[in-house]
PDB file of N, CA and C in Angstrom:
ATOM      1  N   MET A   1      -5.958 -31.758-130.128  1.00  0.00           N
ATOM      2  CA  MET A   1      -5.252 -32.736-130.910  1.00  0.00           C
ATOM      3  C   MET A   1      -4.807 -32.113-132.227  1.00  0.00           C
ATOM      4  N   ALA A   2      -3.567 -32.327-132.591  1.00  0.00           N
ATOM      5  CA  ALA A   2      -3.007 -31.760-133.823  1.00  0.00           C
ATOM      6  C   ALA A   2      -3.537 -32.500-135.043  1.00  0.00           C
ATOM      7  N   LEU A   3      -3.700 -31.757-136.133  1.00  0.00           N
ATOM      8  CA  LEU A   3      -4.129 -32.368-137.385  1.00  0.00           C
ATOM      9  C   LEU A   3      -2.949 -33.058-138.066  1.00  0.00           C
ATOM     10  N   ALA A   4      -3.223 -34.130-138.782  1.00  0.00           N
ATOM     11  CA  ALA A   4      -2.181 -34.848-139.513  1.00  0.00           C
ATOM     12  C   ALA A   4      -1.655 -33.971-140.640  1.00  0.00           C
ATOM     13  N   LEU A   5      -0.344 -34.002-140.854  1.00  0.00           N
ATOM     14  CA  LEU A   5       0.277 -33.205-141.907  1.00  0.00           C
ATOM     15  C   LEU A   5      -0.110 -33.722-143.286  1.00  0.00           C
ATOM     16  N   ASN A   6      -0.049 -35.038-143.486  1.00  0.00           N
ATOM     17  CA  ASN A   6      -0.376 -35.658-144.770  1.00  0.00           C
ATOM     18  C   ASN A   6      -1.318 -36.834-144.544  1.00  0.00           C
ATOM     19  N   VAL A   7      -2.354 -36.899-145.365  1.00  0.00           N
ATOM     20  CA  VAL A   7      -3.328 -37.985-145.279  1.00  0.00           C
ATOM     21  C   VAL A   7      -3.594 -38.479-146.695  1.00  0.00           C
ATOM     22  N   TYR A   8      -3.492 -39.796-146.902  1.00  0.00           N
ATOM     23  CA  TYR A   8      -3.803 -40.372-148.206  1.00  0.00           C
ATOM     24  C   TYR A   8      -5.259 -40.824-148.223  1.00  0.00           C
ATOM     25  N   GLN A   9      -5.928 -40.555-149.329  1.00  0.00           N
ATOM     26  CA  GLN A   9      -7.322 -40.958-149.504  1.00  0.00           C
ATOM     27  C   GLN A   9      -7.469 -41.678-150.840  1.00  0.00           C
ATOM     28  N   THR A  10      -8.267 -42.726-150.855  1.00  0.00           N
ATOM     29  CA  THR A  10      -8.645 -43.398-152.094  1.00  0.00           C
ATOM     30  C   THR A  10     -10.153 -43.386-152.177  1.00  0.00           C
ATOM     31  N   VAL A  11     -10.666 -42.881-153.290  1.00  0.00           N
ATOM     32  CA  VAL A  11     -12.100 -42.770-153.506  1.00  0.00           C
ATOM     33  C   VAL A  11     -12.460 -43.661-154.685  1.00  0.00           C
ATOM     34  N   THR A  12     -13.468 -44.512-154.514  1.00  0.00           N
ATOM     35  CA  THR A  12     -13.939 -45.339-155.616  1.00  0.00           C
ATOM     36  C   THR A  12     -15.439 -45.172-155.753  1.00  0.00           C
ATOM     37  N   GLY A  13     -15.939 -45.461-156.938  1.00  0.00           N
ATOM     38  CA  GLY A  13     -17.372 -45.371-157.132  1.00  0.00           C
ATOM     39  C   GLY A  13     -17.766 -45.750-158.537  1.00  0.00           C
ATOM     40  N   ILE A  14     -19.058 -45.654-158.789  1.00  0.00           N
ATOM     41  CA  ILE A  14     -19.617 -45.881-160.114  1.00  0.00           C
ATOM     42  C   ILE A  14     -20.210 -44.561-160.575  1.00  0.00           C
ATOM     43  N   ALA A  15     -19.718 -44.063-161.704  1.00  0.00           N
ATOM     44  CA  ALA A  15     -20.208 -42.786-162.226  1.00  0.00           C
ATOM     45  C   ALA A  15     -21.630 -42.973-162.754  1.00  0.00           C
ATOM     46  N   SER A  16     -22.434 -41.928-162.623  1.00  0.00           N
ATOM     47  CA  SER A  16     -23.812 -41.989-163.128  1.00  0.00           C
ATOM     48  C   SER A  16     -24.026 -40.874-164.148  1.00  0.00           C
ATOM     49  N   THR A  17     -25.203 -40.855-164.709  1.00  0.00           N
ATOM     50  CA  THR A  17     -25.521 -39.816-165.696  1.00  0.00           C
ATOM     51  C   THR A  17     -25.725 -38.453-165.037  1.00  0.00           C
ATOM     52  N   ILE A  18     -25.893 -38.447-163.730  1.00  0.00           N
ATOM     53  CA  ILE A  18     -26.014 -37.199-162.973  1.00  0.00           C
ATOM     54  C   ILE A  18     -24.633 -36.841-162.435  1.00  0.00           C
ATOM     55  N   ALA A  19     -24.168 -35.630-162.729  1.00  0.00           N
ATOM     56  CA  ALA A  19     -22.852 -35.189-162.240  1.00  0.00           C
ATOM     57  C   ALA A  19     -22.824 -35.275-160.718  1.00  0.00           C
ATOM     58  N   THR A  20     -21.806 -35.986-160.207  1.00  0.00           N
ATOM     59  CA  THR A  20     -21.705 -36.254-158.777  1.00  0.00           C
ATOM     60  C   THR A  20     -20.331 -35.851-158.273  1.00  0.00           C
ATOM     61  N   VAL A  21     -20.279 -35.223-157.104  1.00  0.00           N
ATOM     62  CA  VAL A  21     -18.998 -34.878-156.495  1.00  0.00           C
ATOM     63  C   VAL A  21     -18.336 -36.165-156.018  1.00  0.00           C
ATOM     64  N   ALA A  22     -17.165 -36.459-156.567  1.00  0.00           N
ATOM     65  CA  ALA A  22     -16.419 -37.655-156.183  1.00  0.00           C
ATOM     66  C   ALA A  22     -15.488 -37.364-155.008  1.00  0.00           C
ATOM     67  N   TYR A  23     -14.962 -36.130-154.968  1.00  0.00           N
ATOM     68  CA  TYR A  23     -14.015 -35.768-153.897  1.00  0.00           C
ATOM     69  C   TYR A  23     -14.043 -34.261-153.706  1.00  0.00           C
ATOM     70  N   THR A  24     -13.946 -33.831-152.457  1.00  0.00           N
ATOM     71  CA  THR A  24     -13.806 -32.414-152.109  1.00  0.00           C
ATOM     72  C   THR A  24     -12.658 -32.276-151.127  1.00  0.00           C
ATOM     73  N   ALA A  25     -11.749 -31.343-151.397  1.00  0.00           N
ATOM     74  CA  ALA A  25     -10.636 -31.085-150.474  1.00  0.00           C
ATOM     75  C   ALA A  25     -11.201 -30.501-149.183  1.00  0.00           C
ATOM     76  N   PRO A  26     -10.886 -31.121-148.044  1.00  0.00           N
ATOM     77  CA  PRO A  26     -11.473 -30.674-146.775  1.00  0.00           C
ATOM     78  C   PRO A  26     -10.909 -29.334-146.299  1.00  0.00           C
ATOM     79  N   ILE A  27     -11.612 -28.727-145.359  1.00  0.00           N
ATOM     80  CA  ILE A  27     -11.189 -27.454-144.780  1.00  0.00           C
ATOM     81  C   ILE A  27      -9.819 -27.631-144.128  1.00  0.00           C
ATOM     82  N   GLY A  28      -8.907 -26.725-144.453  1.00  0.00           N
ATOM     83  CA  GLY A  28      -7.572 -26.754-143.877  1.00  0.00           C
ATOM     84  C   GLY A  28      -6.567 -27.580-144.660  1.00  0.00           C
ATOM     85  N   TYR A  29      -7.024 -28.250-145.713  1.00  0.00           N
ATOM     86  CA  TYR A  29      -6.145 -29.108-146.513  1.00  0.00           C
ATOM     87  C   TYR A  29      -6.230 -28.752-147.992  1.00  0.00           C
ATOM     88  N   SER A  30      -5.147 -29.022-148.709  1.00  0.00           N
ATOM     89  CA  SER A  30      -5.155 -29.057-150.162  1.00  0.00           C
ATOM     90  C   SER A  30      -5.104 -30.516-150.564  1.00  0.00           C
ATOM     91  N   GLY A  31      -5.823 -30.867-151.614  1.00  0.00           N
ATOM     92  CA  GLY A  31      -5.815 -32.237-152.102  1.00  0.00           C
ATOM     93  C   GLY A  31      -4.996 -32.317-153.375  1.00  0.00           C
ATOM     94  N   ILE A  32      -4.001 -33.164-153.381  1.00  0.00           N
ATOM     95  CA  ILE A  32      -3.182 -33.367-154.574  1.00  0.00           C
ATOM     96  C   ILE A  32      -3.636 -34.675-155.206  1.00  0.00           C
ATOM     97  N   VAL A  33      -4.284 -34.578-156.359  1.00  0.00           N
ATOM     98  CA  VAL A  33      -4.781 -35.773-157.038  1.00  0.00           C
ATOM     99  C   VAL A  33      -3.595 -36.451-157.714  1.00  0.00           C
ATOM    100  N   LEU A  34      -3.293 -37.651-157.246  1.00  0.00           N
ATOM    101  CA  LEU A  34      -2.166 -38.408-157.771  1.00  0.00           C
ATOM    102  C   LEU A  34      -2.576 -39.286-158.947  1.00  0.00           C
ATOM    103  N   LEU A  35      -3.825 -39.749-158.921  1.00  0.00           N
ATOM    104  CA  LEU A  35      -4.333 -40.645-159.959  1.00  0.00           C
ATOM    105  C   LEU A  35      -5.837 -40.506-160.036  1.00  0.00           C
ATOM    106  N   ALA A  36      -6.350 -40.496-161.240  1.00  0.00           N
ATOM    107  CA  ALA A  36      -7.791 -40.579-161.467  1.00  0.00           C
ATOM    108  C   ALA A  36      -7.973 -41.459-162.692  1.00  0.00           C
ATOM    109  N   GLN A  37      -8.669 -42.564-162.513  1.00  0.00           N
ATOM    110  CA  GLN A  37      -8.809 -43.532-163.591  1.00  0.00           C
ATOM    111  C   GLN A  37     -10.247 -44.017-163.645  1.00  0.00           C
ATOM    112  N   ALA A  38     -10.715 -44.293-164.860  1.00  0.00           N
ATOM    113  CA  ALA A  38     -12.058 -44.837-165.051  1.00  0.00           C
ATOM    114  C   ALA A  38     -11.973 -46.066-165.935  1.00  0.00           C
ATOM    115  N   SER A  39     -12.867 -47.028-165.659  1.00  0.00           N
ATOM    116  CA  SER A  39     -12.931 -48.269-166.428  1.00  0.00           C
ATOM    117  C   SER A  39     -14.350 -48.485-166.925  1.00  0.00           C
ATOM    118  N   ASN A  40     -14.460 -48.981-168.140  1.00  0.00           N
ATOM    119  CA  ASN A  40     -15.749 -49.343-168.713  1.00  0.00           C
ATOM    120  C   ASN A  40     -15.915 -50.849-168.567  1.00  0.00           C
ATOM    121  N   VAL A  41     -16.831 -51.273-167.714  1.00  0.00           N
ATOM    122  CA  VAL A  41     -17.051 -52.699-167.477  1.00  0.00           C
ATOM    123  C   VAL A  41     -18.279 -53.209-168.229  1.00  0.00           C
ATOM    124  N   GLY A  42     -18.835 -52.367-169.086  1.00  0.00           N
ATOM    125  CA  GLY A  42     -20.045 -52.737-169.815  1.00  0.00           C
ATOM    126  C   GLY A  42     -19.762 -53.326-171.183  1.00  0.00           C
ATOM    127  N   SER A  43     -20.840 -53.527-171.931  1.00  0.00           N
ATOM    128  CA  SER A  43     -20.735 -54.156-173.242  1.00  0.00           C
ATOM    129  C   SER A  43     -20.890 -53.163-174.393  1.00  0.00           C
ATOM    130  N   ASN A  44     -20.892 -51.868-174.088  1.00  0.00           N
ATOM    131  CA  ASN A  44     -20.947 -50.814-175.104  1.00  0.00           C
ATOM    132  C   ASN A  44     -19.940 -49.732-174.740  1.00  0.00           C
ATOM    133  N   THR A  45     -19.478 -48.988-175.733  1.00  0.00           N
ATOM    134  CA  THR A  45     -18.619 -47.836-175.463  1.00  0.00           C
ATOM    135  C   THR A  45     -19.413 -46.827-174.631  1.00  0.00           C
ATOM    136  N   GLN A  46     -18.783 -46.313-173.588  1.00  0.00           N
ATOM    137  CA  GLN A  46     -19.397 -45.303-172.719  1.00  0.00           C
ATOM    138  C   GLN A  46     -18.531 -44.051-172.771  1.00  0.00           C
ATOM    139  N   SER A  47     -19.047 -42.954-172.252  1.00  0.00           N
ATOM    140  CA  SER A  47     -18.239 -41.737-172.163  1.00  0.00           C
ATOM    141  C   SER A  47     -18.224 -41.246-170.723  1.00  0.00           C
ATOM    142  N   VAL A  48     -17.178 -40.491-170.396  1.00  0.00           N
ATOM    143  CA  VAL A  48     -17.013 -39.968-169.043  1.00  0.00           C
ATOM    144  C   VAL A  48     -16.646 -38.494-169.130  1.00  0.00           C
ATOM    145  N   THR A  49     -17.144 -37.724-168.171  1.00  0.00           N
ATOM    146  CA  THR A  49     -16.811 -36.309-168.039  1.00  0.00           C
ATOM    147  C   THR A  49     -16.267 -36.089-166.633  1.00  0.00           C
ATOM    148  N   LEU A  50     -15.146 -35.385-166.543  1.00  0.00           N
ATOM    149  CA  LEU A  50     -14.540 -35.050-165.250  1.00  0.00           C
ATOM    150  C   LEU A  50     -14.326 -33.548-165.203  1.00  0.00           C
ATOM    151  N   LYS A  51     -14.793 -32.923-164.115  1.00  0.00           N
ATOM    152  CA  LYS A  51     -14.693 -31.468-163.956  1.00  0.00           C
ATOM    153  C   LYS A  51     -14.026 -31.109-162.642  1.00  0.00           C
ATOM    154  N   HIS A  52     -13.294 -30.004-162.673  1.00  0.00           N
ATOM    155  CA  HIS A  52     -12.828 -29.335-161.461  1.00  0.00           C
ATOM    156  C   HIS A  52     -13.904 -28.313-161.129  1.00  0.00           C
ATOM    157  N   GLN A  53     -14.319 -28.269-159.871  1.00  0.00           N
ATOM    158  CA  GLN A  53     -15.369 -27.336-159.477  1.00  0.00           C
ATOM    159  C   GLN A  53     -14.898 -26.486-158.302  1.00  0.00           C
ATOM    160  N   ARG A  54     -15.039 -25.173-158.446  1.00  0.00           N
ATOM    161  CA  ARG A  54     -14.674 -24.241-157.382  1.00  0.00           C
ATOM    162  C   ARG A  54     -15.857 -23.319-157.122  1.00  0.00           C
ATOM    163  N   THR A  55     -16.209 -23.178-155.851  1.00  0.00           N
ATOM    164  CA  THR A  55     -17.279 -22.276-155.455  1.00  0.00           C
ATOM    165  C   THR A  55     -16.693 -21.189-154.575  1.00  0.00           C
ATOM    166  N   VAL A  56     -16.925 -19.944-154.985  1.00  0.00           N
ATOM    167  CA  VAL A  56     -16.512 -18.781-154.215  1.00  0.00           C
ATOM    168  C   VAL A  56     -17.762 -17.939-153.993  1.00  0.00           C
ATOM    169  N   GLY A  57     -18.174 -17.844-152.740  1.00  0.00           N
ATOM    170  CA  GLY A  57     -19.428 -17.143-152.442  1.00  0.00           C
ATOM    171  C   GLY A  57     -20.585 -17.912-153.054  1.00  0.00           C
ATOM    172  N   ILE A  58     -21.330 -17.245-153.929  1.00  0.00           N
ATOM    173  CA  ILE A  58     -22.457 -17.908-154.589  1.00  0.00           C
ATOM    174  C   ILE A  58     -22.136 -18.304-156.032  1.00  0.00           C
ATOM    175  N   THR A  59     -20.888 -18.094-156.440  1.00  0.00           N
ATOM    176  CA  THR A  59     -20.489 -18.390-157.816  1.00  0.00           C
ATOM    177  C   THR A  59     -19.733 -19.708-157.887  1.00  0.00           C
ATOM    178  N   THR A  60     -20.236 -20.623-158.709  1.00  0.00           N
ATOM    179  CA  THR A  60     -19.576 -21.904-158.925  1.00  0.00           C
ATOM    180  C   THR A  60     -19.024 -21.932-160.335  1.00  0.00           C
ATOM    181  N   THR A  61     -17.746 -22.300-160.448  1.00  0.00           N
ATOM    182  CA  THR A  61     -17.086 -22.398-161.746  1.00  0.00           C
ATOM    183  C   THR A  61     -16.681 -23.843-161.991  1.00  0.00           C
ATOM    184  N   ASP A  62     -17.172 -24.406-163.090  1.00  0.00           N
ATOM    185  CA  ASP A  62     -16.785 -25.749-163.513  1.00  0.00           C
ATOM    186  C   ASP A  62     -15.776 -25.643-164.641  1.00  0.00           C
ATOM    187  N   THR A  63     -14.698 -26.415-164.536  1.00  0.00           N
ATOM    188  CA  THR A  63     -13.702 -26.484-165.594  1.00  0.00           C
ATOM    189  C   THR A  63     -13.578 -27.945-166.002  1.00  0.00           C
ATOM    190  N   GLU A  64     -13.967 -28.231-167.238  1.00  0.00           N
ATOM    191  CA  GLU A  64     -13.929 -29.599-167.720  1.00  0.00           C
ATOM    192  C   GLU A  64     -12.485 -30.034-167.952  1.00  0.00           C
ATOM    193  N   LEU A  65     -12.113 -31.143-167.344  1.00  0.00           N
ATOM    194  CA  LEU A  65     -10.816 -31.759-167.598  1.00  0.00           C
ATOM    195  C   LEU A  65     -10.950 -32.765-168.740  1.00  0.00           C
ATOM    196  N   LEU A  66     -12.089 -33.435-168.779  1.00  0.00           N
ATOM    197  CA  LEU A  66     -12.491 -34.314-169.885  1.00  0.00           C
ATOM    198  C   LEU A  66     -13.977 -34.086-170.112  1.00  0.00           C
ATOM    199  N   PHE A  67     -14.388 -34.089-171.377  1.00  0.00           N
ATOM    200  CA  PHE A  67     -15.799 -33.913-171.686  1.00  0.00           C
ATOM    201  C   PHE A  67     -16.237 -34.981-172.677  1.00  0.00           C
ATOM    202  N   ASP A  68     -17.156 -35.833-172.252  1.00  0.00           N
ATOM    203  CA  ASP A  68     -17.657 -36.931-173.082  1.00  0.00           C
ATOM    204  C   ASP A  68     -16.518 -37.747-173.691  1.00  0.00           C
ATOM    205  N   PHE A  69     -15.542 -38.049-172.865  1.00  0.00           N
ATOM    206  CA  PHE A  69     -14.382 -38.833-173.301  1.00  0.00           C
ATOM    207  C   PHE A  69     -14.803 -40.288-173.493  1.00  0.00           C
ATOM    208  N   PRO A  70     -14.581 -40.853-174.689  1.00  0.00           N
ATOM    209  CA  PRO A  70     -15.044 -42.219-174.940  1.00  0.00           C
ATOM    210  C   PRO A  70     -14.178 -43.275-174.248  1.00  0.00           C
ATOM    211  N   LEU A  71     -14.853 -44.228-173.614  1.00  0.00           N
ATOM    212  CA  LEU A  71     -14.191 -45.389-173.011  1.00  0.00           C
ATOM    213  C   LEU A  71     -14.675 -46.631-173.748  1.00  0.00           C
ATOM    214  N   PRO A  72     -13.802 -47.287-174.509  1.00  0.00           N
ATOM    215  CA  PRO A  72     -14.211 -48.494-175.230  1.00  0.00           C
ATOM    216  C   PRO A  72     -14.585 -49.633-174.273  1.00  0.00           C
ATOM    217  N   ILE A  73     -15.236 -50.623-174.808  1.00  0.00           N
ATOM    218  CA  ILE A  73     -15.643 -51.809-174.048  1.00  0.00           C
ATOM    219  C   ILE A  73     -14.421 -52.443-173.387  1.00  0.00           C
ATOM    220  N   ASN A  74     -14.563 -52.817-172.111  1.00  0.00           N
ATOM    221  CA  ASN A  74     -13.505 -53.497-171.354  1.00  0.00           C
ATOM    222  C   ASN A  74     -12.173 -52.761-171.392  1.00  0.00           C
ATOM    223  N   ASP A  75     -12.217 -51.444-171.289  1.00  0.00           N
ATOM    224  CA  ASP A  75     -10.999 -50.643-171.326  1.00  0.00           C
ATOM    225  C   ASP A  75     -11.021 -49.646-170.172  1.00  0.00           C
ATOM    226  N   SER A  76      -9.863 -49.069-169.905  1.00  0.00           N
ATOM    227  CA  SER A  76      -9.762 -48.042-168.869  1.00  0.00           C
ATOM    228  C   SER A  76      -8.863 -46.925-169.368  1.00  0.00           C
ATOM    229  N   SER A  77      -8.923 -45.792-168.669  1.00  0.00           N
ATOM    230  CA  SER A  77      -8.114 -44.651-169.078  1.00  0.00           C
ATOM    231  C   SER A  77      -7.818 -43.760-167.873  1.00  0.00           C
ATOM    232  N   SER A  78      -6.644 -43.143-167.910  1.00  0.00           N
ATOM    233  CA  SER A  78      -6.336 -42.109-166.928  1.00  0.00           C
ATOM    234  C   SER A  78      -7.151 -40.871-167.272  1.00  0.00           C
ATOM    235  N   LEU A  79      -7.733 -40.263-166.262  1.00  0.00           N
ATOM    236  CA  LEU A  79      -8.573 -39.094-166.478  1.00  0.00           C
ATOM    237  C   LEU A  79      -7.796 -37.796-166.373  1.00  0.00           C
ATOM    238  N   ILE A  80      -6.632 -37.837-165.730  1.00  0.00           N
ATOM    239  CA  ILE A  80      -5.750 -36.667-165.677  1.00  0.00           C
ATOM    240  C   ILE A  80      -4.336 -37.121-165.984  1.00  0.00           C
ATOM    241  N   GLN A  81      -3.567 -36.222-166.537  1.00  0.00           N
ATOM    242  CA  GLN A  81      -2.151 -36.478-166.777  1.00  0.00           C
ATOM    243  C   GLN A  81      -1.366 -35.647-165.778  1.00  0.00           C
ATOM    244  N   GLY A  82      -0.473 -36.251-165.058  1.00  0.00           N
ATOM    245  CA  GLY A  82       0.274 -35.527-164.037  1.00  0.00           C
ATOM    246  C   GLY A  82      -0.554 -35.374-162.775  1.00  0.00           C
ATOM    247  N   LYS A  83      -0.257 -34.346-162.001  1.00  0.00           N
ATOM    248  CA  LYS A  83      -0.927 -34.097-160.720  1.00  0.00           C
ATOM    249  C   LYS A  83      -1.895 -32.922-160.872  1.00  0.00           C
ATOM    250  N   LEU A  84      -2.878 -32.886-159.994  1.00  0.00           N
ATOM    251  CA  LEU A  84      -3.839 -31.785-159.962  1.00  0.00           C
ATOM    252  C   LEU A  84      -4.004 -31.355-158.521  1.00  0.00           C
ATOM    253  N   VAL A  85      -3.816 -30.070-158.238  1.00  0.00           N
ATOM    254  CA  VAL A  85      -3.967 -29.545-156.877  1.00  0.00           C
ATOM    255  C   VAL A  85      -5.362 -28.969-156.721  1.00  0.00           C
ATOM    256  N   LEU A  86      -6.051 -29.442-155.689  1.00  0.00           N
ATOM    257  CA  LEU A  86      -7.364 -28.914-155.337  1.00  0.00           C
ATOM    258  C   LEU A  86      -7.216 -28.126-154.044  1.00  0.00           C
ATOM    259  N   GLU A  87      -7.572 -26.859-154.088  1.00  0.00           N
ATOM    260  CA  GLU A  87      -7.529 -26.041-152.884  1.00  0.00           C
ATOM    261  C   GLU A  87      -8.715 -26.405-151.989  1.00  0.00           C
ATOM    262  N   THR A  88      -8.674 -25.976-150.738  1.00  0.00           N
ATOM    263  CA  THR A  88      -9.762 -26.241-149.802  1.00  0.00           C
ATOM    264  C   THR A  88     -11.109 -25.949-150.455  1.00  0.00           C
ATOM    265  N   ASN A  89     -12.027 -26.910-150.346  1.00  0.00           N
ATOM    266  CA  ASN A  89     -13.397 -26.852-150.879  1.00  0.00           C
ATOM    267  C   ASN A  89     -13.512 -27.029-152.387  1.00  0.00           C
ATOM    268  N   ASP A  90     -12.398 -27.162-153.128  1.00  0.00           N
ATOM    269  CA  ASP A  90     -12.477 -27.513-154.543  1.00  0.00           C
ATOM    270  C   ASP A  90     -12.925 -28.967-154.648  1.00  0.00           C
ATOM    271  N   SER A  91     -13.615 -29.292-155.729  1.00  0.00           N
ATOM    272  CA  SER A  91     -14.144 -30.648-155.901  1.00  0.00           C
ATOM    273  C   SER A  91     -13.809 -31.207-157.274  1.00  0.00           C
ATOM    274  N   LEU A  92     -13.806 -32.540-157.355  1.00  0.00           N
ATOM    275  CA  LEU A  92     -13.809 -33.255-158.628  1.00  0.00           C
ATOM    276  C   LEU A  92     -15.219 -33.795-158.811  1.00  0.00           C
ATOM    277  N   VAL A  93     -15.788 -33.523-159.976  1.00  0.00           N
ATOM    278  CA  VAL A  93     -17.151 -33.939-160.288  1.00  0.00           C
ATOM    279  C   VAL A  93     -17.092 -34.858-161.491  1.00  0.00           C
ATOM    280  N   ILE A  94     -17.766 -36.002-161.394  1.00  0.00           N
ATOM    281  CA  ILE A  94     -17.704 -36.995-162.462  1.00  0.00           C
ATOM    282  C   ILE A  94     -19.109 -37.375-162.913  1.00  0.00           C
ATOM    283  N   SER A  95     -19.229 -37.674-164.208  1.00  0.00           N
ATOM    284  CA  SER A  95     -20.478 -38.205-164.755  1.00  0.00           C
ATOM    285  C   SER A  95     -20.130 -39.116-165.926  1.00  0.00           C
ATOM    286  N   ALA A  96     -21.101 -39.925-166.318  1.00  0.00           N
ATOM    287  CA  ALA A  96     -20.893 -40.872-167.414  1.00  0.00           C
ATOM    288  C   ALA A  96     -22.169 -40.958-168.252  1.00  0.00           C
ATOM    289  N   SER A  97     -22.049 -41.637-169.377  1.00  0.00           N
ATOM    290  CA  SER A  97     -23.191 -41.778-170.278  1.00  0.00           C
ATOM    291  C   SER A  97     -24.140 -42.891-169.854  1.00  0.00           C
ATOM    292  N   ASN A  98     -23.801 -43.607-168.783  1.00  0.00           N
ATOM    293  CA  ASN A  98     -24.568 -44.765-168.327  1.00  0.00           C
ATOM    294  C   ASN A  98     -24.459 -44.815-166.803  1.00  0.00           C
ATOM    295  N   ASP A  99     -25.464 -45.325-166.138  1.00  0.00           N
ATOM    296  CA  ASP A  99     -25.474 -45.345-164.668  1.00  0.00           C
ATOM    297  C   ASP A  99     -24.757 -46.528-164.029  1.00  0.00           C
ATOM    298  N   THR A 100     -24.293 -47.495-164.804  1.00  0.00           N
ATOM    299  CA  THR A 100     -23.768 -48.714-164.197  1.00  0.00           C
ATOM    300  C   THR A 100     -22.409 -49.172-164.698  1.00  0.00           C
ATOM    301  N   ASP A 101     -21.949 -48.676-165.834  1.00  0.00           N
ATOM    302  CA  ASP A 101     -20.804 -49.305-166.502  1.00  0.00           C
ATOM    303  C   ASP A 101     -19.459 -48.615-166.319  1.00  0.00           C
ATOM    304  N   VAL A 102     -19.426 -47.414-165.775  1.00  0.00           N
ATOM    305  CA  VAL A 102     -18.157 -46.692-165.627  1.00  0.00           C
ATOM    306  C   VAL A 102     -17.788 -46.621-164.145  1.00  0.00           C
ATOM    307  N   LYS A 103     -16.731 -47.337-163.796  1.00  0.00           N
ATOM    308  CA  LYS A 103     -16.214 -47.322-162.431  1.00  0.00           C
ATOM    309  C   LYS A 103     -14.978 -46.433-162.390  1.00  0.00           C
ATOM    310  N   TYR A 104     -14.776 -45.759-161.248  1.00  0.00           N
ATOM    311  CA  TYR A 104     -13.620 -44.869-161.138  1.00  0.00           C
ATOM    312  C   TYR A 104     -12.880 -45.082-159.826  1.00  0.00           C
ATOM    313  N   ILE A 105     -11.626 -44.688-159.849  1.00  0.00           N
ATOM    314  CA  ILE A 105     -10.792 -44.666-158.647  1.00  0.00           C
ATOM    315  C   ILE A 105      -9.971 -43.380-158.686  1.00  0.00           C
ATOM    316  N   ILE A 106      -9.915 -42.716-157.531  1.00  0.00           N
ATOM    317  CA  ILE A 106      -9.165 -41.462-157.412  1.00  0.00           C
ATOM    318  C   ILE A 106      -8.284 -41.572-156.181  1.00  0.00           C
ATOM    319  N   SER A 107      -7.012 -41.280-156.338  1.00  0.00           N
ATOM    320  CA  SER A 107      -6.042 -41.329-155.244  1.00  0.00           C
ATOM    321  C   SER A 107      -5.584 -39.901-154.951  1.00  0.00           C
ATOM    322  N   VAL A 108      -5.709 -39.487-153.686  1.00  0.00           N
ATOM    323  CA  VAL A 108      -5.444 -38.099-153.304  1.00  0.00           C
ATOM    324  C   VAL A 108      -4.520 -38.065-152.087  1.00  0.00           C
ATOM    325  N   LEU A 109      -3.554 -37.158-152.135  1.00  0.00           N
ATOM    326  CA  LEU A 109      -2.743 -36.829-150.980  1.00  0.00           C
ATOM    327  C   LEU A 109      -3.253 -35.513-150.422  1.00  0.00           C
ATOM    328  N   GLU A 110      -3.827 -35.555-149.220  1.00  0.00           N
ATOM    329  CA  GLU A 110      -4.276 -34.326-148.566  1.00  0.00           C
ATOM    330  C   GLU A 110      -3.125 -33.811-147.704  1.00  0.00           C
ATOM    331  N   THR A 111      -2.767 -32.563-147.932  1.00  0.00           N
ATOM    332  CA  THR A 111      -1.671 -31.976-147.171  1.00  0.00           C
ATOM    333  C   THR A 111      -2.175 -30.743-146.426  1.00  0.00           C
ATOM    334  N   LEU A 112      -1.777 -30.627-145.178  1.00  0.00           N
ATOM    335  CA  LEU A 112      -2.252 -29.565-144.301  1.00  0.00           C
ATOM    336  C   LEU A 112      -1.787 -28.209-144.787  1.00  0.00           C
ATOM    337  N   ASN A 113      -2.715 -27.263-144.867  1.00  0.00           N
ATOM    338  CA  ASN A 113      -2.372 -25.870-145.203  1.00  0.00           C
ATOM    339  C   ASN A 113      -1.811 -25.209-143.952  1.00  0.00           C
ATOM    340  N   GLN A 114      -0.644 -24.637-144.071  1.00  0.00           N
ATOM    341  CA  GLN A 114      -0.042 -23.982-142.892  1.00  0.00           C
ATOM    342  C   GLN A 114       0.235 -22.538-143.141  1.00  0.00           C
TER     343      GLN A 114
END
């Protein structure tokens, strides 16, 4: 069976204080991040960190896209400006200053590597 050329994915979740992989580009595909947004649904200002993570062999490189970015009460923010290409096995890793108040949504177009 042939693989799909383009696949859209939407990832949602609640960021925690422990850095968590929100999305990883699957084998054979590149992931084009179309949107990444976080909302603070709590009663205090929270912060969010978003990283691009690439592992080659035993070496993992994290590149912060946002670091301790403040999210005011009842507010939301785009976490990236423009598009971000994730090569096969690259990941987006997210964390927040609180385990319950920062919700995120990530929209990705996975395109087949040929």
